[in-house]
Amino acid sequence: AGSNFWMLLLAGRKRWTIYPRECAAALAPSFVQGHDAAFDAGRALSAADRYEFDLSPGELLFVPAGSPHTVTNLEHTSAISANYIDESNLDLALTELRVAALSNP
């Protein structure tokens, strides 16, 4: 969650939903199954502001650090992607790493 993310889709289609960072707390994230958050699919998700779109081959996607998101593969897909940290998200990434270290020493 503390890193920026980009993806270049090479084949197939993916349906993305990206929520603004400020919606994260209202989405009631749960980290029961690991470091990636799972969200309650109740009212908070349906009422939250969001961007919904299908990513197609040849399209490049950027997801800013801390932006809750969901993705569904609509077909078999192939993509190149990376998470990265730069000056725009360094403080958030360091905070996330400290929290992870406390929960998994």
Protein backbone atom coordinates (compact mmCIF):
# COMPACT_ATOMS: atom_id res chain seq x y z
CA ALA A 1 0.00 0.00 0.00
CA GLY A 2 2.94 2.31 0.53
CA SER A 3 4.31 2.01 -2.99
CA ASN A 4 3.27 3.49 -6.31
CA PHE A 5 2.29 0.92 -8.94
CA TRP A 6 2.29 0.79 -12.74
CA MET A 7 1.14 -1.89 -15.17
CA LEU A 8 1.42 -2.29 -18.93
CA LEU A 9 -1.17 -4.79 -20.10
CA LEU A 10 0.09 -6.94 -22.97
CA ALA A 11 -2.86 -9.29 -23.52
CA GLY A 12 -6.36 -9.81 -22.17
CA ARG A 13 -8.55 -7.38 -20.24
CA LYS A 14 -8.74 -6.39 -16.57
CA ARG A 15 -11.53 -4.51 -14.82
CA TRP A 16 -10.14 -2.00 -12.30
CA THR A 17 -11.83 -0.01 -9.56
CA ILE A 18 -9.63 2.58 -7.86
CA TYR A 19 -10.75 4.59 -4.83
CA PRO A 20 -9.24 7.94 -3.75
CA ARG A 21 -6.78 7.66 -0.85
CA GLU A 22 -9.05 9.65 1.42
CA CYS A 23 -11.70 6.89 1.14
CA ALA A 24 -9.39 4.20 2.57
CA ALA A 25 -10.57 4.40 6.19
CA ALA A 26 -14.27 4.41 5.21
CA LEU A 27 -13.73 1.19 3.24
CA ALA A 28 -12.88 -0.64 6.51
CA PRO A 29 -9.78 -2.52 5.31
CA SER A 30 -8.99 -5.88 6.91
CA PHE A 31 -5.48 -7.34 6.93
CA VAL A 32 -6.46 -10.78 8.25
CA GLN A 33 -5.06 -12.58 5.21
CA GLY A 34 -1.80 -10.69 4.93
CA HIS A 35 -0.36 -7.32 3.97
CA ASP A 36 -2.83 -6.67 1.14
CA ALA A 37 -6.08 -5.20 2.40
CA ALA A 38 -9.46 -6.83 1.83
CA PHE A 39 -12.51 -4.55 1.89
CA ASP A 40 -16.02 -5.16 3.13
CA ALA A 41 -18.23 -5.24 0.04
CA GLY A 42 -21.07 -3.56 1.92
CA ARG A 43 -22.44 -0.04 1.73
CA ALA A 44 -19.10 1.72 2.13
CA LEU A 45 -17.77 0.27 -1.13
CA SER A 46 -20.88 1.00 -3.14
CA ALA A 47 -21.19 4.55 -1.79
CA ALA A 48 -17.52 5.54 -2.13
CA ASP A 49 -16.21 7.73 -4.94
CA ARG A 50 -14.31 5.57 -7.39
CA TYR A 51 -12.92 5.23 -10.89
CA GLU A 52 -14.05 2.11 -12.78
CA PHE A 53 -12.64 1.07 -16.14
CA ASP A 54 -11.42 -1.85 -18.23
CA LEU A 55 -7.72 -1.97 -19.05
CA SER A 56 -7.01 -3.31 -22.56
CA PRO A 57 -3.83 -4.52 -24.27
CA GLY A 58 -1.31 -1.74 -24.88
CA GLU A 59 -2.70 0.47 -22.09
CA LEU A 60 -0.59 1.66 -19.18
CA LEU A 61 -2.03 2.12 -15.69
CA PHE A 62 -0.67 4.08 -12.72
CA VAL A 63 -2.05 3.59 -9.18
CA PRO A 64 -0.77 6.11 -6.61
CA ALA A 65 0.49 4.82 -3.26
CA GLY A 66 -2.25 4.34 -0.68
CA SER A 67 -5.08 4.15 -3.23
CA PRO A 68 -7.40 1.23 -2.40
CA HIS A 69 -8.25 -0.78 -5.50
CA THR A 70 -9.76 -3.98 -6.79
CA VAL A 71 -9.02 -5.79 -10.03
CA THR A 72 -10.77 -8.62 -11.85
CA ASN A 73 -9.29 -10.47 -14.80
CA LEU A 74 -11.95 -10.58 -17.52
CA GLU A 75 -9.80 -12.86 -19.68
CA HIS A 76 -6.45 -14.60 -19.40
CA THR A 77 -3.95 -11.77 -19.14
CA SER A 78 -0.27 -11.02 -19.50
CA ALA A 79 1.27 -7.85 -18.11
CA ILE A 80 4.46 -6.17 -16.98
CA SER A 81 4.16 -4.30 -13.69
CA ALA A 82 6.17 -2.88 -10.83
CA ASN A 83 5.76 -1.28 -7.47
CA TYR A 84 8.19 1.52 -6.67
CA ILE A 85 9.06 4.09 -4.05
CA ASP A 86 10.17 7.63 -4.83
CA GLU A 87 10.01 11.00 -3.07
CA SER A 88 6.21 11.16 -3.56
CA ASN A 89 5.55 8.14 -1.33
CA LEU A 90 8.73 7.59 0.71
CA ASP A 91 7.19 8.58 4.08
CA LEU A 92 4.14 6.37 3.52
CA ALA A 93 6.33 3.43 2.45
CA LEU A 94 8.56 3.77 5.54
CA THR A 95 5.48 3.85 7.80
CA GLU A 96 4.09 0.73 6.10
CA LEU A 97 7.43 -1.06 6.52
CA ARG A 98 7.54 -0.19 10.24
CA VAL A 99 4.02 -1.54 10.73
CA ALA A 100 4.88 -4.71 8.80
CA ALA A 101 8.01 -5.21 10.91
CA LEU A 102 5.99 -4.93 14.13
CA SER A 103 3.39 -7.45 12.96
CA ASN A 104 5.92 -9.92 11.54
CA PRO A 105 9.24 -9.54 13.41
